[in-house]
């Protein structure tokens, strides 16, 4: 395995690359762009890279399905950390292009909902066609296949383009969450401000089936930060659920919730426990009464004494 190589969703000039370069260790790694999320993650699976940075959630569009599906299938991988990056787009064009010249535009599919209103107001007749990434859209404009691409302003120089319009966004404070993914290993020690990600497969479909899964978290005071259904490919109505829960697997309330899920679900895939980006232990709300590790330990000790006739 190449311990010094990180892959990311390319080509050069993507928001993913910009997010990766915010990590201190990126300065000492070989950063290799890949054509897709599956390609970036497969490089980790086959040992060609130590880790990959890929987008997993957008504050406007929601979960990035390509990443969720890849993490739910194939050889298991683990999330080691997350990165939040504010997102704002620029319309990149070839030098000399005016706004009235722009008849065709491109960008990553996740970008379209973030610029839809701007397009409707400024370029109502422009035809949109999706690209593999925002930077790939810039490359296609460079080649003359489209008139404009929605990408990060920083990508303009890489592709010999000009930012015709900047600061384009339909939602204020839009951001994308990226995750650094590697091969499975022991999770890092808890920080007090952690997140645990799992994929859960529901068994037989019956009234209250999803509620049963959610109750495993609720009765232990575990807050859910994301839950998204994804089809399993086994037919209409067959779903798995990607879940982000507040806390670390080493904490009793989280560990027991996962054990509860394992008892009632045909399959549970642990994707990692890792620090939450931009959050410290001081920012985390006080735990509900009865959900701290101390209270779990005290309850277990009481049960043991009761079984021994010492309660």
Protein backbone atom coordinates (compact mmCIF):
# COMPACT_ATOMS: atom_id res chain seq x y z
CA UNK A 1 0.00 0.00 0.00
CA UNK A 2 1.19 3.50 -0.80
CA UNK A 3 1.17 5.24 2.59
CA UNK A 4 1.96 8.61 1.04
CA UNK A 5 -0.75 8.73 -1.63
CA UNK A 6 -4.23 10.19 -1.19
CA UNK A 7 -6.82 10.06 -3.95
CA UNK A 8 -9.74 12.43 -4.44
CA UNK A 9 -12.61 13.13 -6.82
CA UNK A 10 -10.89 14.89 -9.70
CA UNK A 11 -9.75 16.22 -12.00
CA UNK A 12 -7.60 19.02 -10.60
CA UNK A 13 -9.58 22.06 -9.51
CA UNK A 14 -12.52 20.35 -7.80
CA UNK A 15 -13.99 21.44 -4.49
CA UNK A 16 -12.86 18.03 -3.24
CA UNK A 17 -9.25 18.93 -3.96
CA UNK A 18 -9.74 22.28 -2.21
CA UNK A 19 -11.14 20.46 0.83
CA UNK A 20 -8.31 17.94 0.83
CA UNK A 21 -5.71 20.70 0.81
CA UNK A 22 -7.13 22.06 4.07
CA UNK A 23 -5.81 18.95 5.86
CA UNK A 24 -2.32 19.46 7.33
CA UNK A 25 -1.15 16.01 6.20
CA UNK A 26 -2.00 16.82 2.57
CA UNK A 27 1.20 18.87 2.35
CA UNK A 28 3.27 15.68 2.75
CA UNK A 29 1.15 13.37 0.55
CA UNK A 30 0.97 12.73 -3.17
CA UNK A 31 -2.53 13.88 -4.15
CA UNK A 32 -3.93 11.91 -7.07
CA UNK A 33 -7.16 12.96 -8.85
CA UNK A 34 -9.53 10.18 -9.92
CA UNK A 35 -12.34 10.23 -12.45
CA UNK A 36 -15.09 9.24 -10.02
CA UNK A 37 -15.93 8.52 -6.40
CA UNK A 38 -15.84 4.72 -7.00
CA UNK A 39 -12.40 5.03 -8.61
CA UNK A 40 -11.06 7.07 -5.68
CA UNK A 41 -12.34 4.53 -3.15
CA UNK A 42 -11.24 1.50 -5.17
CA UNK A 43 -7.69 2.84 -5.11
CA UNK A 44 -7.85 2.51 -1.32
CA UNK A 45 -9.39 -0.95 -1.49
CA UNK A 46 -6.69 -2.31 -3.80
CA UNK A 47 -3.81 -0.69 -1.90
CA UNK A 48 -2.87 1.99 -4.42
CA UNK A 49 -3.67 4.75 -1.89
CA UNK A 50 -3.74 5.10 1.88
CA UNK A 51 -6.92 7.19 1.88
CA UNK A 52 -9.40 9.00 -0.33
CA UNK A 53 -11.32 12.22 0.19
CA UNK A 54 -14.83 12.18 -1.29
CA UNK A 55 -17.98 14.31 -0.90
CA UNK A 56 -20.75 12.72 1.17
CA UNK A 57 -23.30 15.44 1.99
CA UNK A 58 -24.35 18.86 0.75
CA UNK A 59 -26.37 21.32 2.81
CA UNK A 60 -28.63 22.06 -0.17
CA UNK A 61 -28.94 18.76 -2.03
CA UNK A 62 -28.46 16.30 0.83
CA UNK A 63 -26.49 13.06 0.66
CA UNK A 64 -24.11 12.33 -2.22
CA UNK A 65 -25.57 9.03 -3.38
CA UNK A 66 -22.48 7.80 -5.23
CA UNK A 67 -20.47 7.95 -2.00
CA UNK A 68 -23.20 6.50 0.21
CA UNK A 69 -23.71 3.57 -2.16
CA UNK A 70 -19.99 2.86 -2.46
CA UNK A 71 -19.51 2.83 1.31
CA UNK A 72 -22.51 0.51 1.71
CA UNK A 73 -21.23 -2.06 -0.79
CA UNK A 74 -18.01 -3.81 -1.72
CA UNK A 75 -15.04 -4.37 0.54
CA UNK A 76 -15.56 -2.43 3.80
CA UNK A 77 -13.90 0.95 4.29
CA UNK A 78 -13.81 3.33 7.26
CA UNK A 79 -14.26 7.07 7.69
CA UNK A 80 -11.42 8.67 9.65
CA UNK A 81 -12.36 12.34 9.59
CA UNK A 82 -14.63 14.87 7.93
CA UNK A 83 -14.06 18.25 6.31
CA UNK A 84 -16.62 21.03 5.85
CA UNK A 85 -16.09 23.43 2.97
CA UNK A 86 -18.19 26.54 2.21
CA UNK A 87 -19.42 26.34 -1.37
CA UNK A 88 -19.93 29.20 -3.78
CA UNK A 89 -19.77 28.92 -7.56
CA UNK A 90 -18.34 30.93 -10.38
CA UNK A 91 -19.45 30.76 -14.01
CA UNK A 92 -16.23 29.92 -15.85
CA UNK A 93 -15.97 30.75 -19.55
CA UNK A 94 -13.36 31.01 -22.28
CA UNK A 95 -11.71 34.45 -22.48
CA UNK A 96 -13.82 36.98 -24.33
CA UNK A 97 -17.14 35.25 -23.68
CA UNK A 98 -20.06 37.51 -22.71
CA UNK A 99 -23.07 36.42 -20.68
CA UNK A 100 -25.24 36.68 -23.79
CA UNK A 101 -22.94 34.15 -25.50
CA UNK A 102 -23.61 31.44 -22.93
CA UNK A 103 -26.12 28.97 -24.39
CA UNK A 104 -24.89 25.71 -22.84
CA UNK A 105 -23.65 25.14 -19.29
CA UNK A 106 -22.36 22.21 -17.26
CA UNK A 107 -21.30 21.16 -13.76
CA UNK A 108 -21.61 18.30 -11.31
CA UNK A 109 -25.23 17.13 -10.76
CA UNK A 110 -25.05 18.23 -7.11
CA UNK A 111 -24.20 21.75 -8.28
CA UNK A 112 -27.37 22.22 -10.31
CA UNK A 113 -29.80 22.67 -7.38
CA UNK A 114 -27.38 25.20 -5.88
CA UNK A 115 -27.45 27.48 -8.96
CA UNK A 116 -30.91 26.68 -10.34
CA UNK A 117 -32.52 29.98 -9.37
CA UNK A 118 -29.57 31.99 -10.66
CA UNK A 119 -29.81 30.17 -13.98
CA UNK A 120 -33.54 30.76 -14.15
CA UNK A 121 -33.08 34.50 -13.61
CA UNK A 122 -29.88 35.14 -15.58
CA UNK A 123 -29.73 32.43 -18.28
CA UNK A 124 -33.29 31.09 -18.62
CA UNK A 125 -32.65 29.60 -22.08
CA UNK A 126 -29.31 27.96 -21.31
CA UNK A 127 -29.20 24.17 -21.66
CA UNK A 128 -27.69 22.26 -18.73
CA UNK A 129 -25.82 18.97 -19.11
CA UNK A 130 -24.13 17.28 -16.15
CA UNK A 131 -20.39 16.56 -15.93
CA UNK A 132 -18.47 14.03 -13.84
CA UNK A 133 -17.31 16.87 -11.56
CA UNK A 134 -17.31 20.67 -11.55
CA UNK A 135 -13.67 20.73 -12.60
CA UNK A 136 -14.40 18.27 -15.40
CA UNK A 137 -17.06 20.71 -16.54
CA UNK A 138 -14.37 23.42 -16.68
CA UNK A 139 -12.24 21.10 -18.81
CA UNK A 140 -15.17 20.58 -21.19
CA UNK A 141 -15.55 24.36 -21.54
CA UNK A 142 -11.82 24.62 -22.27
CA UNK A 143 -12.32 22.06 -25.05
CA UNK A 144 -15.19 24.08 -26.49
CA UNK A 145 -17.94 21.56 -25.76
CA UNK A 146 -19.86 23.97 -23.50
CA UNK A 147 -20.02 27.74 -23.17
CA UNK A 148 -19.81 27.86 -19.37
CA UNK A 149 -19.19 25.71 -16.32
CA UNK A 150 -20.21 26.17 -12.70
CA UNK A 151 -17.14 25.45 -10.58
CA UNK A 152 -14.93 26.98 -7.95
CA UNK A 153 -13.36 30.27 -9.00
CA UNK A 154 -9.95 28.74 -8.16
CA UNK A 155 -10.35 26.29 -11.07
CA UNK A 156 -10.26 29.04 -13.71
CA UNK A 157 -6.47 29.31 -13.97
CA UNK A 158 -6.01 25.54 -14.22
CA UNK A 159 -8.15 25.39 -17.36
CA UNK A 160 -7.31 28.72 -18.96
CA UNK A 161 -10.76 30.14 -18.27
CA UNK A 162 -12.14 33.35 -16.80
CA UNK A 163 -14.70 33.75 -14.01
CA UNK A 164 -17.48 35.66 -15.80
CA UNK A 165 -19.68 35.80 -12.68
CA UNK A 166 -18.62 34.94 -9.12
CA UNK A 167 -20.34 34.34 -5.75
CA UNK A 168 -23.19 32.36 -7.31
CA UNK A 169 -25.37 30.44 -4.85
CA UNK A 170 -29.07 29.99 -4.26
CA UNK A 171 -28.65 29.28 -0.55
CA UNK A 172 -26.71 31.33 1.96
CA UNK A 173 -24.00 29.50 3.91
CA UNK A 174 -24.06 26.48 1.60
CA UNK A 175 -21.40 23.92 2.43
CA UNK A 176 -20.37 20.41 1.49
CA UNK A 177 -19.16 17.72 3.86
CA UNK A 178 -16.28 15.53 2.71
CA UNK A 179 -14.93 12.40 4.38
CA UNK A 180 -11.44 10.94 4.47
CA UNK A 181 -11.82 7.21 3.93
CA UNK A 182 -9.27 4.46 4.53
CA UNK A 183 -9.12 0.74 5.21
CA UNK A 184 -10.75 -0.48 8.45
CA UNK A 185 -8.74 -0.06 11.64
CA UNK A 186 -9.32 0.76 15.29
CA UNK A 187 -11.12 4.13 15.54
CA UNK A 188 -9.21 7.01 17.07
CA UNK A 189 -9.88 7.78 20.73
CA UNK A 190 -13.04 9.79 21.43
CA UNK A 191 -12.72 13.57 21.58
CA UNK A 192 -16.05 14.38 23.23
CA UNK A 193 -17.34 15.79 19.94
CA UNK A 194 -17.59 12.77 17.67
CA UNK A 195 -19.83 11.25 15.04
CA UNK A 196 -20.50 7.58 14.31
CA UNK A 197 -21.62 6.45 10.85
CA UNK A 198 -23.30 3.15 10.01
CA UNK A 199 -25.35 1.57 7.25
CA UNK A 200 -28.34 -0.47 8.43
CA UNK A 201 -30.25 -3.06 6.45
CA UNK A 202 -33.86 -3.50 7.53
CA UNK A 203 -35.21 -7.05 7.79
CA UNK A 204 -38.78 -7.87 6.84
CA UNK A 205 -40.94 -4.89 5.93
CA UNK A 206 -43.75 -4.47 8.45
CA UNK A 207 -45.58 -1.60 10.17
CA UNK A 208 -43.20 0.14 12.55
CA UNK A 209 -40.05 -1.52 11.14
CA UNK A 210 -38.18 1.76 10.73
CA UNK A 211 -39.43 2.96 14.12
CA UNK A 212 -37.88 -0.14 15.71
CA UNK A 213 -34.49 0.84 14.28
CA UNK A 214 -34.76 4.44 15.42
CA UNK A 215 -35.82 3.40 18.92
CA UNK A 216 -32.49 1.65 19.44
CA UNK A 217 -30.93 5.12 19.34
CA UNK A 218 -33.75 7.04 21.02
CA UNK A 219 -34.05 4.95 24.19
CA UNK A 220 -30.30 5.38 24.80
CA UNK A 221 -30.29 9.13 24.22
CA UNK A 222 -28.30 9.01 20.99
CA UNK A 223 -29.03 11.96 18.70
CA UNK A 224 -29.24 11.21 14.97
CA UNK A 225 -27.65 13.79 12.69
CA UNK A 226 -28.50 12.17 9.34
CA UNK A 227 -30.66 9.32 8.12
CA UNK A 228 -31.06 8.61 4.44
CA UNK A 229 -32.62 5.63 2.68
CA UNK A 230 -30.90 4.00 -0.29
CA UNK A 231 -32.23 1.17 -2.48
CA UNK A 232 -30.38 -2.11 -2.04
CA UNK A 233 -30.86 -3.21 -5.65
CA UNK A 234 -32.87 -6.22 -4.52
CA UNK A 235 -36.18 -4.86 -5.84
CA UNK A 236 -38.71 -2.10 -5.18
CA UNK A 237 -39.23 -1.54 -1.46
CA UNK A 238 -35.86 -2.94 -0.37
CA UNK A 239 -33.81 -0.26 1.37
CA UNK A 240 -30.84 0.26 3.60
CA UNK A 241 -30.31 3.36 5.72
CA UNK A 242 -27.19 5.50 6.04
CA UNK A 243 -27.11 6.95 9.56
CA UNK A 244 -24.87 9.49 11.29
CA UNK A 245 -25.23 9.44 15.07
CA UNK A 246 -23.77 11.80 17.63
CA UNK A 247 -21.11 10.14 19.78
CA UNK A 248 -18.33 7.54 19.59
CA UNK A 249 -18.60 3.76 19.40
CA UNK A 250 -16.56 3.47 22.60
CA UNK A 251 -19.28 5.35 24.53
CA UNK A 252 -21.74 3.01 26.20
CA UNK A 253 -24.90 4.59 24.82
CA UNK A 254 -23.62 4.40 21.22
CA UNK A 255 -22.12 0.93 21.54
CA UNK A 256 -25.29 -0.50 23.07
CA UNK A 257 -27.43 1.13 20.35
CA UNK A 258 -25.30 -0.57 17.70
CA UNK A 259 -25.56 -3.89 19.52
CA UNK A 260 -29.33 -3.47 19.60
CA UNK A 261 -29.36 -2.88 15.84
CA UNK A 262 -27.17 -5.92 15.26
CA UNK A 263 -29.67 -8.09 17.14
CA UNK A 264 -32.67 -7.05 15.04
CA UNK A 265 -31.16 -6.27 11.62
CA UNK A 266 -29.85 -8.76 9.05
CA UNK A 267 -26.80 -6.56 8.42
CA UNK A 268 -25.14 -3.52 10.00
CA UNK A 269 -21.97 -1.99 8.52
CA UNK A 270 -19.87 0.21 10.82
CA UNK A 271 -18.33 3.09 8.84
CA UNK A 272 -16.35 4.70 11.64
CA UNK A 273 -16.33 7.00 14.65
CA UNK A 274 -14.46 10.25 14.02
CA UNK A 275 -14.24 13.89 15.19
CA UNK A 276 -16.95 16.26 14.04
CA UNK A 277 -15.58 19.06 11.89
CA UNK A 278 -15.64 22.48 13.48
CA UNK A 279 -17.08 21.23 16.79
CA UNK A 280 -15.33 20.94 20.15
CA UNK A 281 -16.38 19.07 23.29
CA UNK A 282 -17.47 22.40 24.79
CA UNK A 283 -20.03 22.79 21.99
CA UNK A 284 -21.75 19.46 22.64
CA UNK A 285 -24.98 19.49 24.62
CA UNK A 286 -25.10 17.90 28.05
CA UNK A 287 -26.16 14.27 27.92
CA UNK A 288 -29.66 13.34 29.01
CA UNK A 289 -29.97 11.84 32.47
CA UNK A 290 -29.27 8.10 32.37
CA UNK A 291 -27.19 8.07 29.17
CA UNK A 292 -23.64 8.76 30.39
CA UNK A 293 -21.00 6.02 30.58
CA UNK A 294 -21.00 6.33 34.38
CA UNK A 295 -24.72 5.67 34.58
CA UNK A 296 -24.48 2.69 32.22
CA UNK A 297 -21.69 1.23 34.39
CA UNK A 298 -23.64 1.84 37.59
CA UNK A 299 -26.70 0.14 36.11
CA UNK A 300 -24.61 -2.88 35.04
CA UNK A 301 -23.09 -3.13 38.53
CA UNK A 302 -26.55 -2.94 40.10
CA UNK A 303 -27.74 -5.76 37.83
CA UNK A 304 -24.75 -7.90 38.79
CA UNK A 305 -25.40 -7.31 42.49
CA UNK A 306 -29.06 -8.16 42.02
CA UNK A 307 -28.19 -11.43 40.29
CA UNK A 308 -25.86 -12.30 43.18
CA UNK A 309 -28.44 -11.35 45.83
CA UNK A 310 -26.40 -8.35 46.94
CA UNK A 311 -28.64 -5.51 45.75
